[in-house]
């Protein structure tokens, strides 16, 4: 069911359209959301949307690129920082959960709707995801060299396991829950890192 309440454009139509599209993609899925749904939700005729956006897919790409950019901005400073690789991995996991907590709906779209991008747009999303994955691979490899992380691990599988667990956080994390994002991140780090310790 599409959102029917009209949204105040407030002089920032593209931002409003992005936020509405993000909500609809999260609620209905990319394929289940039409341009008419988006237009109705922002109070425009479907044809008028094209004055602000290129296409529904371009909207998805922008949401995904912006979302991954937020995760990169939160995690990358820990990759190059000083300190134990294990401490840095813990901070990276906490940072990831904090970005999710900032907007779980956006994170759901970033993690679960990017696959609907066409071959024209998919490579950009994949490249950003690989860059994020590489952040964790680099720190895990440092941990192996330091003797803190098991040397028999397949580094990529270890990272994908950690990211796979974290990428489902928006499905169950509640910003109004008893535990804050940093507390949840710490508890997740306890669980996720215990399997890779030397």
Protein backbone atom coordinates (compact mmCIF):
# COMPACT_ATOMS: atom_id res chain seq x y z
CA UNK A 1 0.00 0.00 0.00
CA UNK A 2 1.50 3.32 -1.03
CA UNK A 3 1.93 6.22 1.33
CA UNK A 4 -1.04 8.51 0.76
CA UNK A 5 -0.26 11.42 3.08
CA UNK A 6 1.13 14.36 1.13
CA UNK A 7 4.58 15.56 2.16
CA UNK A 8 5.58 19.21 2.53
CA UNK A 9 8.29 19.82 -0.07
CA UNK A 10 9.66 22.75 2.00
CA UNK A 11 11.81 24.05 -0.86
CA UNK A 12 13.86 20.84 -1.01
CA UNK A 13 11.95 18.63 -3.44
CA UNK A 14 14.81 16.26 -4.25
CA UNK A 15 15.52 15.54 -0.58
CA UNK A 16 11.83 14.96 0.08
CA UNK A 17 11.52 12.68 -2.94
CA UNK A 18 14.59 10.73 -1.82
CA UNK A 19 13.21 10.25 1.68
CA UNK A 20 9.80 9.19 0.42
CA UNK A 21 11.35 6.77 -2.08
CA UNK A 22 13.57 5.33 0.65
CA UNK A 23 10.51 4.75 2.84
CA UNK A 24 8.54 3.13 0.03
CA UNK A 25 11.45 0.95 -1.13
CA UNK A 26 11.90 -0.23 2.44
CA UNK A 27 8.21 -0.90 2.97
CA UNK A 28 7.14 -2.21 -0.45
CA UNK A 29 10.43 -3.17 -2.08
CA UNK A 30 11.95 -1.53 -5.15
CA UNK A 31 9.92 -3.61 -7.62
CA UNK A 32 6.74 -3.07 -5.60
CA UNK A 33 7.09 0.73 -5.75
CA UNK A 34 6.05 2.67 -8.84
CA UNK A 35 6.85 6.20 -9.87
CA UNK A 36 3.14 6.89 -9.37
CA UNK A 37 3.45 5.74 -5.72
CA UNK A 38 6.33 8.16 -5.18
CA UNK A 39 4.57 11.00 -6.97
CA UNK A 40 1.35 10.46 -4.99
CA UNK A 41 3.28 10.47 -1.71
CA UNK A 42 4.93 13.82 -2.45
CA UNK A 43 1.84 15.37 -4.04
CA UNK A 44 3.12 15.61 -7.61
CA UNK A 45 1.91 14.30 -10.93
CA UNK A 46 4.08 11.33 -12.00
CA UNK A 47 5.45 13.27 -14.98
CA UNK A 48 6.47 16.15 -12.71
CA UNK A 49 8.87 13.88 -10.81
CA UNK A 50 11.20 13.90 -13.79
CA UNK A 51 11.89 17.59 -13.22
CA UNK A 52 13.72 16.47 -10.05
CA UNK A 53 14.97 12.93 -10.73
CA UNK A 54 16.07 10.87 -13.72
CA UNK A 55 14.35 7.61 -12.85
CA UNK A 56 13.26 5.34 -10.04
CA UNK A 57 16.49 3.39 -10.44
CA UNK A 58 18.60 6.54 -10.22
CA UNK A 59 16.85 7.23 -6.91
CA UNK A 60 17.76 3.76 -5.64
CA UNK A 61 21.37 4.21 -6.72
CA UNK A 62 21.58 7.55 -4.93
CA UNK A 63 20.08 6.09 -1.74
CA UNK A 64 22.47 3.12 -1.85
CA UNK A 65 25.53 5.25 -2.68
CA UNK A 66 24.71 7.76 0.06
CA UNK A 67 24.04 4.97 2.55
CA UNK A 68 27.26 3.09 1.88
CA UNK A 69 29.08 6.42 1.99
CA UNK A 70 27.81 6.93 5.53
CA UNK A 71 29.12 3.51 6.59
CA UNK A 72 32.49 4.19 4.96
CA UNK A 73 32.77 7.59 6.65
CA UNK A 74 32.08 5.98 10.03
CA UNK A 75 34.42 3.01 9.63
CA UNK A 76 37.39 4.20 7.55
CA UNK A 77 38.93 6.39 10.30
CA UNK A 78 39.35 3.23 12.44
CA UNK A 79 41.16 1.38 9.64
CA UNK A 80 44.09 3.78 9.66
CA UNK A 81 44.05 4.63 13.35
CA UNK A 82 46.55 3.39 15.91
CA UNK A 83 45.72 0.71 18.42
CA UNK A 84 45.16 -3.00 18.45
CA UNK A 85 43.49 -4.47 15.37
CA UNK A 86 40.95 -6.12 17.69
CA UNK A 87 40.11 -2.79 19.33
CA UNK A 88 39.76 -1.20 15.90
CA UNK A 89 37.49 -4.01 14.68
CA UNK A 90 35.35 -3.52 17.75
CA UNK A 91 35.10 0.22 17.03
CA UNK A 92 34.23 -0.53 13.40
CA UNK A 93 31.40 -2.85 14.46
CA UNK A 94 30.09 -0.23 16.91
CA UNK A 95 30.33 2.47 14.21
CA UNK A 96 28.37 0.24 11.81
CA UNK A 97 25.56 -0.27 14.35
CA UNK A 98 25.48 3.47 15.09
CA UNK A 99 24.94 4.25 11.39
CA UNK A 100 22.15 1.66 11.29
CA UNK A 101 20.59 3.20 14.40
CA UNK A 102 20.62 6.64 12.79
CA UNK A 103 18.15 5.41 10.15
CA UNK A 104 17.27 1.69 10.13
CA UNK A 105 14.94 2.19 7.17
CA UNK A 106 17.73 3.60 4.99
CA UNK A 107 20.00 0.74 6.05
CA UNK A 108 17.39 -1.84 5.04
CA UNK A 109 17.28 -0.37 1.54
CA UNK A 110 21.07 -0.16 1.33
CA UNK A 111 21.57 -3.77 2.37
CA UNK A 112 18.63 -5.47 0.70
CA UNK A 113 17.46 -3.47 -2.33
CA UNK A 114 20.76 -2.75 -4.13
CA UNK A 115 20.46 -6.05 -6.04
CA UNK A 116 17.63 -4.58 -8.10
CA UNK A 117 19.97 -2.15 -9.81
CA UNK A 118 20.45 -2.82 -13.53
CA UNK A 119 23.85 -3.69 -15.08
CA UNK A 120 24.26 0.03 -15.85
CA UNK A 121 24.18 1.01 -12.17
CA UNK A 122 25.16 -2.18 -10.36
CA UNK A 123 28.98 -1.86 -10.74
CA UNK A 124 29.06 1.39 -8.75
CA UNK A 125 27.14 -0.16 -5.88
CA UNK A 126 29.31 -3.29 -5.94
CA UNK A 127 32.49 -1.20 -5.92
CA UNK A 128 31.36 0.74 -2.85
CA UNK A 129 30.42 -2.48 -1.07
CA UNK A 130 33.83 -3.97 -1.89
CA UNK A 131 35.55 -0.89 -0.54
CA UNK A 132 33.64 -1.32 2.72
CA UNK A 133 34.48 -5.02 2.86
CA UNK A 134 38.17 -4.20 2.25
CA UNK A 135 38.23 -2.00 5.37
CA UNK A 136 37.50 -5.07 7.49
CA UNK A 137 39.81 -7.37 5.51
CA UNK A 138 42.74 -4.99 6.04
CA UNK A 139 42.27 -4.83 9.82
CA UNK A 140 41.77 -8.59 10.11
CA UNK A 141 44.97 -9.19 8.13
CA UNK A 142 46.80 -6.85 10.52
CA UNK A 143 45.40 -8.87 13.40
CA UNK A 144 46.68 -12.10 11.85
CA UNK A 145 50.15 -10.60 11.39
CA UNK A 146 50.09 -9.46 15.03
CA UNK A 147 49.16 -12.97 16.17
CA UNK A 148 45.82 -11.79 17.58
CA UNK A 149 43.60 -13.42 14.97
CA UNK A 150 43.69 -17.01 13.79
CA UNK A 151 46.02 -17.52 10.87
CA UNK A 152 43.98 -20.41 9.47
CA UNK A 153 41.00 -18.18 8.72
CA UNK A 154 39.83 -17.40 5.23
CA UNK A 155 39.90 -13.63 5.68
CA UNK A 156 37.18 -12.88 3.16
CA UNK A 157 34.79 -15.47 4.57
CA UNK A 158 35.44 -14.15 8.08
CA UNK A 159 34.65 -10.61 6.95
CA UNK A 160 31.55 -11.66 5.01
CA UNK A 161 30.32 -13.53 8.10
CA UNK A 162 30.78 -10.44 10.27
CA UNK A 163 29.18 -8.13 7.70
CA UNK A 164 26.36 -10.59 7.07
CA UNK A 165 25.44 -10.55 10.76
CA UNK A 166 25.71 -6.75 10.97
CA UNK A 167 23.70 -6.18 7.79
CA UNK A 168 20.63 -7.73 9.41
CA UNK A 169 20.80 -5.30 12.34
CA UNK A 170 18.21 -2.92 10.81
CA UNK A 171 15.68 -5.76 10.84
CA UNK A 172 15.67 -6.00 14.63
CA UNK A 173 17.42 -2.96 16.12
CA UNK A 174 15.08 -0.44 17.73
CA UNK A 175 16.37 3.10 18.38
CA UNK A 176 13.84 3.18 21.24
CA UNK A 177 15.04 -0.10 22.74
CA UNK A 178 16.58 -0.68 26.14
CA UNK A 179 20.13 -0.77 24.75
CA UNK A 180 21.70 2.03 22.75
CA UNK A 181 23.57 1.56 19.48
CA UNK A 182 27.03 1.55 21.11
CA UNK A 183 25.93 -1.03 23.68
CA UNK A 184 24.44 -3.27 21.00
CA UNK A 185 27.59 -2.83 18.89
CA UNK A 186 29.77 -3.84 21.83
CA UNK A 187 27.70 -6.96 22.45
CA UNK A 188 27.79 -7.85 18.77
CA UNK A 189 31.57 -7.35 18.75
CA UNK A 190 31.89 -9.75 21.70
CA UNK A 191 30.05 -12.40 19.72
CA UNK A 192 31.51 -11.77 16.26
CA UNK A 193 35.14 -11.39 17.29
CA UNK A 194 35.19 -14.42 19.57
CA UNK A 195 35.17 -16.71 16.55
CA UNK A 196 38.31 -15.25 15.00
CA UNK A 197 40.57 -14.80 18.04
CA UNK A 198 43.89 -16.55 17.99
